[in-house]
Amino acid sequence: MNKQFLQCGRYRLPMDEEQAAPLVMGILNVTPDSFSDGGQFQSLDFALSRAEQMIADGVDIIDIGGESSRPGAEPLPLEEELRRVMPLIYALRDCGKPLSIDTYKAEVMREAIAAGADMINDINGFRAEGALRAVKDGECALCIMHMQRDPQTMQAEPHYADVTKEVIGFLGERMQALSSVGVARERMCIDPGFGFGKTLQHNLTLLKDIGRMARELDAPILAGLSRKSMIGAITGKPVEQRLGGSIAAALSAVAQGARIVRVHDVAATVDAIKVWQAVESIKKDSK
């Protein structure tokens, strides 16, 4: 991968795996129905406290989400999503960390960027009406994710002839769509969409093929595996007991070449990556 950095709004995030550690994106959901921490951080004060703890724990990017994308989730009205996320953006825009907004709605993208967001993280791959126009100007980073169908139907017997090939094809097509409206490649990162219209075997295959995706698409990979059902399927643990499995998944992703991991448990993941990075540095020095 040729990229040395990801242009992320006010920040240039290092992406060179020879020079920089993988980055940790902390999840800040302000939703009553998120699959993992829904309702915990709904009030502004609680959400700000959570963000402050993430910063103390060493987070690199804070990802704010106002609408649940769990399997079966119903769409959220635009006005309600804005009501949930905009106060947080205004409150945190000077916190010293890049702010990512997890949304697929063009109007939320526009409002968030105007308020100071540094990244738009779109589970829909910027396919919604007006999304490309909303993000084409400026320097905000864009995370393009793959999802089969939509949150209401994505886990209803997902099927692929070749999951990695099809995900690469979709992500490449969306990167080209962004390029066609003038978005620089340095603003793009890609997310295979673990758990979004995939079986356990699909997820494991994509995890194994992270390096291939990064090479073929020439883009940094963001991997979101934290607490997901694939962790539960492997470990047999309920969502609140998936810390160990989630850390193992994050380390597997970075070992395969992911440059950003999106997690709920920032402190534990930061520590795990520090240990992994220390061993990797010794291995490189001894060559």
Protein backbone atom coordinates (compact mmCIF):
# COMPACT_ATOMS: atom_id res chain seq x y z
CA MET A 1 0.00 0.00 0.00
CA ASN A 2 1.46 3.35 -1.06
CA LYS A 3 -0.48 5.58 1.28
CA GLN A 4 1.58 7.33 3.94
CA PHE A 5 -1.36 9.10 5.56
CA LEU A 6 -5.14 9.42 5.66
CA GLN A 7 -6.35 12.99 5.29
CA CYS A 8 -8.87 13.21 8.11
CA GLY A 9 -10.25 16.75 8.22
CA ARG A 10 -7.93 18.77 10.44
CA TYR A 11 -5.60 15.79 10.91
CA ARG A 12 -3.21 13.71 8.84
CA LEU A 13 -3.29 10.21 10.29
CA PRO A 14 -0.20 8.06 9.65
CA MET A 15 -0.98 4.94 7.61
CA ASP A 16 2.53 3.66 6.86
CA GLU A 17 2.70 0.30 8.63
CA GLU A 18 6.49 0.45 8.67
CA GLN A 19 6.50 3.69 10.64
CA ALA A 20 3.29 3.92 12.66
CA ALA A 21 1.15 1.74 14.92
CA PRO A 22 -2.43 0.85 13.93
CA LEU A 23 -4.98 3.39 15.15
CA VAL A 24 -7.81 2.78 17.61
CA MET A 25 -11.24 4.25 16.83
CA GLY A 26 -13.48 4.38 19.89
CA ILE A 27 -17.22 3.80 19.48
CA LEU A 28 -19.49 6.41 21.07
CA ASN A 29 -23.08 5.36 20.46
CA VAL A 30 -25.86 7.77 21.44
CA THR A 31 -28.64 5.35 20.65
CA PRO A 32 -31.24 3.64 22.83
CA ASP A 33 -31.10 0.41 20.82
CA SER A 34 -27.53 -0.28 19.72
CA PHE A 35 -26.78 -4.00 19.99
CA SER A 36 -23.91 -3.54 22.43
CA ASP A 37 -24.11 -0.36 24.51
CA GLY A 38 -27.45 1.11 23.50
CA GLY A 39 -28.79 3.60 26.00
CA GLN A 40 -25.66 3.75 28.12
CA PHE A 41 -24.38 7.06 26.80
CA GLN A 42 -27.56 8.77 25.66
CA SER A 43 -27.38 11.90 27.77
CA LEU A 44 -24.88 14.54 26.71
CA ASP A 45 -23.08 14.52 30.07
CA PHE A 46 -22.64 10.76 30.05
CA ALA A 47 -21.50 10.79 26.43
CA LEU A 48 -18.95 13.52 27.12
CA SER A 49 -17.64 11.61 30.13
CA ARG A 50 -17.28 8.52 27.96
CA ALA A 51 -15.40 10.53 25.33
CA GLU A 52 -13.08 11.98 27.99
CA GLN A 53 -12.35 8.47 29.25
CA MET A 54 -11.58 7.32 25.71
CA ILE A 55 -9.11 10.18 25.30
CA ALA A 56 -7.44 9.31 28.61
CA ASP A 57 -7.26 5.68 27.45
CA GLY A 58 -5.36 6.63 24.29
CA VAL A 59 -8.03 6.68 21.58
CA ASP A 60 -6.97 7.97 18.15
CA ILE A 61 -10.42 8.69 16.62
CA ILE A 62 -13.85 9.05 18.24
CA ASP A 63 -16.73 7.61 16.18
CA ILE A 64 -20.12 9.12 17.09
CA GLY A 65 -23.23 7.18 16.08
CA GLY A 66 -26.82 8.30 16.50
CA GLU A 67 -28.60 5.46 14.69
CA SER A 68 -28.32 1.76 15.43
CA SER A 69 -27.26 -0.44 12.52
CA ARG A 70 -27.76 -3.74 14.35
CA PRO A 71 -29.52 -6.50 12.37
CA GLY A 72 -33.22 -5.71 12.13
CA ALA A 73 -32.86 -2.07 13.18
CA GLU A 74 -35.51 0.32 11.88
CA PRO A 75 -34.45 3.55 10.12
CA LEU A 76 -34.22 6.63 12.34
CA PRO A 77 -35.87 9.93 11.30
CA LEU A 78 -33.41 12.57 10.15
CA GLU A 79 -34.42 15.11 12.81
CA GLU A 80 -33.88 12.61 15.62
CA GLU A 81 -30.43 11.63 14.39
CA LEU A 82 -29.40 15.29 14.17
CA ARG A 83 -30.77 15.89 17.68
CA ARG A 84 -28.62 13.08 19.02
CA VAL A 85 -25.31 13.73 17.30
CA MET A 86 -24.98 17.47 16.69
CA PRO A 87 -24.61 18.55 20.36
CA LEU A 88 -21.81 16.01 20.75
CA ILE A 89 -19.97 17.26 17.68
CA TYR A 90 -20.10 20.83 18.94
CA ALA A 91 -19.02 19.76 22.42
CA LEU A 92 -16.11 17.58 21.26
CA ARG A 93 -14.80 19.30 18.13
CA ASP A 94 -11.92 20.88 20.06
CA CYS A 95 -11.06 17.80 22.13
CA GLY A 96 -7.81 17.22 20.23
CA LYS A 97 -8.93 14.01 18.51
CA PRO A 98 -10.50 13.50 15.08
CA LEU A 99 -14.28 13.12 15.19
CA SER A 100 -15.93 10.54 12.95
CA ILE A 101 -19.68 10.52 12.36
CA ASP A 102 -21.34 7.18 11.64
CA THR A 103 -24.18 8.04 9.25
CA TYR A 104 -25.55 7.24 5.79
CA LYS A 105 -27.80 10.33 5.51
CA ALA A 106 -26.55 13.14 3.26
CA GLU A 107 -28.09 15.88 5.41
CA VAL A 108 -26.38 14.55 8.55
CA MET A 109 -23.10 14.41 6.62
CA ARG A 110 -23.44 18.06 5.57
CA GLU A 111 -24.37 19.28 9.04
CA ALA A 112 -21.64 17.24 10.71
CA ILE A 113 -18.91 18.45 8.34
CA ALA A 114 -20.02 22.06 8.78
CA ALA A 115 -19.86 21.58 12.56
CA GLY A 116 -16.32 20.29 12.48
CA ALA A 117 -16.43 16.51 11.89
CA ASP A 118 -13.20 15.07 10.48
CA MET A 119 -14.52 11.78 9.06
CA ILE A 120 -17.78 10.38 7.70
CA ASN A 121 -18.18 6.65 8.32
CA ASP A 122 -20.93 5.38 6.00
CA ILE A 123 -22.25 1.83 6.28
CA ASN A 124 -24.02 2.40 2.97
CA GLY A 125 -20.88 3.25 0.98
CA PHE A 126 -22.06 6.78 0.05
CA ARG A 127 -24.85 5.40 -2.13
CA ALA A 128 -27.73 7.46 -0.70
CA GLU A 129 -29.18 10.32 -2.71
CA GLY A 130 -27.00 13.39 -2.23
CA ALA A 131 -24.23 11.63 -0.31
CA LEU A 132 -21.53 12.19 -2.93
CA ARG A 133 -22.43 15.87 -3.21
CA ALA A 134 -22.39 16.22 0.58
CA VAL A 135 -18.83 14.96 0.98
CA LYS A 136 -17.02 15.79 -2.26
CA ASP A 137 -15.52 19.08 -1.11
CA GLY A 138 -13.13 19.72 1.76
CA GLU A 139 -10.70 17.35 3.48
CA CYS A 140 -12.98 15.16 5.60
CA ALA A 141 -11.96 11.48 5.54
CA LEU A 142 -14.48 9.02 4.13
CA CYS A 143 -14.84 5.44 5.32
CA ILE A 144 -16.58 3.32 2.67
CA MET A 145 -18.19 0.17 4.04
CA HIS A 146 -19.62 -2.90 2.35
CA MET A 147 -23.07 -4.11 3.38
CA GLN A 148 -25.23 -6.68 1.64
CA ARG A 149 -28.81 -5.34 1.42
CA ASP A 150 -29.76 -3.21 4.49
CA PRO A 151 -29.85 -3.57 8.30
CA GLN A 152 -33.42 -4.87 8.22
CA THR A 153 -32.59 -7.80 5.89
CA MET A 154 -28.79 -8.15 5.79
CA GLN A 155 -28.59 -11.26 7.98
CA ALA A 156 -31.37 -13.13 6.17
CA GLU A 157 -29.30 -15.91 4.60
CA PRO A 158 -26.44 -13.81 3.14
CA HIS A 159 -24.84 -15.48 0.11
CA TYR A 160 -21.72 -14.87 -2.01
CA ALA A 161 -20.04 -16.88 -4.74
CA ASP A 162 -16.68 -15.41 -3.59
CA VAL A 163 -17.07 -13.07 -0.63
CA THR A 164 -13.65 -11.40 -0.83
CA LYS A 165 -13.82 -10.84 -4.58
CA GLU A 166 -17.34 -9.40 -4.33
CA VAL A 167 -16.49 -7.11 -1.41
CA ILE A 168 -13.39 -5.86 -3.23
CA GLY A 169 -15.47 -5.24 -6.34
CA PHE A 170 -18.08 -3.23 -4.46
CA LEU A 171 -15.54 -1.15 -2.53
CA GLY A 172 -13.53 -0.45 -5.67
CA GLU A 173 -16.67 0.71 -7.44
CA ARG A 174 -17.54 3.07 -4.59
CA MET A 175 -13.99 4.44 -4.48
CA GLN A 176 -14.28 5.17 -8.20
CA ALA A 177 -17.63 6.91 -7.63
CA LEU A 178 -15.99 9.17 -5.07
CA SER A 179 -12.99 9.79 -7.32
CA SER A 180 -15.34 10.74 -10.16
CA VAL A 181 -16.66 13.71 -8.15
CA GLY A 182 -13.17 14.87 -7.23
CA VAL A 183 -12.50 13.17 -3.89
CA ALA A 184 -8.76 12.57 -3.39
CA ARG A 185 -7.69 9.00 -2.66
CA GLU A 186 -5.89 10.25 0.44
CA ARG A 187 -9.31 10.91 1.98
CA MET A 188 -10.56 7.31 1.56
CA CYS A 189 -10.40 4.27 3.77
CA ILE A 190 -12.41 1.07 3.43
CA ASP A 191 -14.30 -1.25 5.76
CA PRO A 192 -15.20 -4.83 4.70
CA GLY A 193 -18.32 -4.59 6.87
CA PHE A 194 -17.88 -7.51 9.25
CA GLY A 195 -21.32 -8.73 10.30
CA PHE A 196 -23.18 -6.66 7.71
CA GLY A 197 -24.75 -9.34 5.54
CA LYS A 198 -22.15 -12.03 6.29
CA THR A 199 -22.11 -15.44 7.91
CA LEU A 200 -19.38 -16.46 10.36
CA GLN A 201 -17.46 -18.12 7.53
CA HIS A 202 -17.75 -15.00 5.37
CA ASN A 203 -16.41 -12.87 8.25
CA LEU A 204 -13.48 -15.18 8.90
CA THR A 205 -12.60 -15.28 5.21
CA LEU A 206 -12.62 -11.48 5.01
CA LEU A 207 -10.51 -11.23 8.16
CA LYS A 208 -7.94 -13.58 6.61
CA ASP A 209 -7.98 -11.53 3.39
CA ILE A 210 -7.50 -8.02 4.85
CA GLY A 211 -4.03 -7.79 3.34
CA ARG A 212 -5.34 -8.76 -0.08
CA MET A 213 -8.08 -6.12 0.11
CA ALA A 214 -5.59 -3.42 1.13
CA ARG A 215 -3.25 -4.32 -1.72
CA GLU A 216 -5.85 -4.64 -4.48
CA LEU A 217 -7.69 -1.46 -3.51
CA ASP A 218 -4.57 0.47 -2.44
CA ALA A 219 -6.41 1.87 0.57
CA PRO A 220 -6.15 1.58 4.36
CA ILE A 221 -8.51 -0.92 5.97
CA LEU A 222 -10.73 -0.07 8.92
CA ALA A 223 -11.90 -3.22 10.74
CA GLY A 224 -14.90 -3.21 13.07
CA LEU A 225 -15.20 -6.54 14.89
CA SER A 226 -15.75 -5.44 18.47
CA ARG A 227 -18.36 -7.49 20.39
CA LYS A 228 -20.03 -8.63 17.17
CA SER A 229 -22.05 -11.81 16.76
CA MET A 230 -19.11 -13.58 15.13
CA ILE A 231 -17.24 -13.22 18.43
CA GLY A 232 -20.23 -14.69 20.22
CA ALA A 233 -20.50 -17.53 17.72
CA ILE A 234 -16.85 -18.48 18.23
CA THR A 235 -16.66 -18.03 22.02
CA GLY A 236 -20.23 -18.81 23.07
CA LYS A 237 -20.23 -15.60 25.15
CA PRO A 238 -23.02 -12.98 25.40
CA VAL A 239 -22.27 -9.48 24.16
CA GLU A 240 -21.18 -8.12 27.57
CA GLN A 241 -18.56 -10.90 27.90
CA ARG A 242 -16.80 -10.53 24.55
CA LEU A 243 -13.82 -8.41 25.61
CA GLY A 244 -11.21 -11.16 25.20
CA GLY A 245 -12.61 -12.28 21.87
CA SER A 246 -12.85 -8.70 20.62
CA ILE A 247 -9.21 -7.98 21.49
CA ALA A 248 -8.13 -11.18 19.74
CA ALA A 249 -10.14 -10.14 16.66
CA ALA A 250 -8.61 -6.65 16.67
CA LEU A 251 -5.09 -8.08 16.89
CA SER A 252 -5.89 -10.56 14.12
CA ALA A 253 -7.05 -7.66 11.96
CA VAL A 254 -3.94 -5.55 12.53
CA ALA A 255 -1.71 -8.58 12.01
CA GLN A 256 -3.37 -9.01 8.60
CA GLY A 257 -2.81 -5.33 7.76
CA ALA A 258 -5.72 -3.29 9.14
CA ARG A 259 -4.62 0.27 9.90
CA ILE A 260 -7.64 1.26 12.04
CA VAL A 261 -9.67 -0.89 14.42
CA ARG A 262 -13.09 0.29 15.60
CA VAL A 263 -13.70 -0.85 19.19
CA HIS A 264 -15.82 -0.41 22.30
CA ASP A 265 -13.02 -1.22 24.76
CA VAL A 266 -10.39 1.42 24.04
CA ALA A 267 -7.97 0.98 26.96
CA ALA A 268 -7.66 -2.79 26.61
CA THR A 269 -7.25 -2.59 22.83
CA VAL A 270 -4.63 0.17 23.06
CA ASP A 271 -2.60 -1.94 25.51
CA ALA A 272 -2.91 -5.06 23.35
CA ILE A 273 -1.72 -3.20 20.25
CA LYS A 274 1.22 -1.71 22.18
CA VAL A 275 2.40 -5.20 23.12
CA TRP A 276 1.86 -6.51 19.58
CA GLN A 277 3.68 -3.48 18.13
CA ALA A 278 6.64 -3.95 20.49
CA VAL A 279 7.09 -7.54 19.32
CA GLU A 280 6.73 -6.53 15.67
CA SER A 281 9.38 -3.81 16.10
CA ILE A 282 11.84 -6.33 17.53
CA LYS A 283 11.16 -8.72 14.65
CA LYS A 284 11.80 -5.96 12.09
CA ASP A 285 15.00 -4.82 13.84
CA SER A 286 16.37 -8.37 13.89
CA LYS A 287 15.97 -8.89 10.14
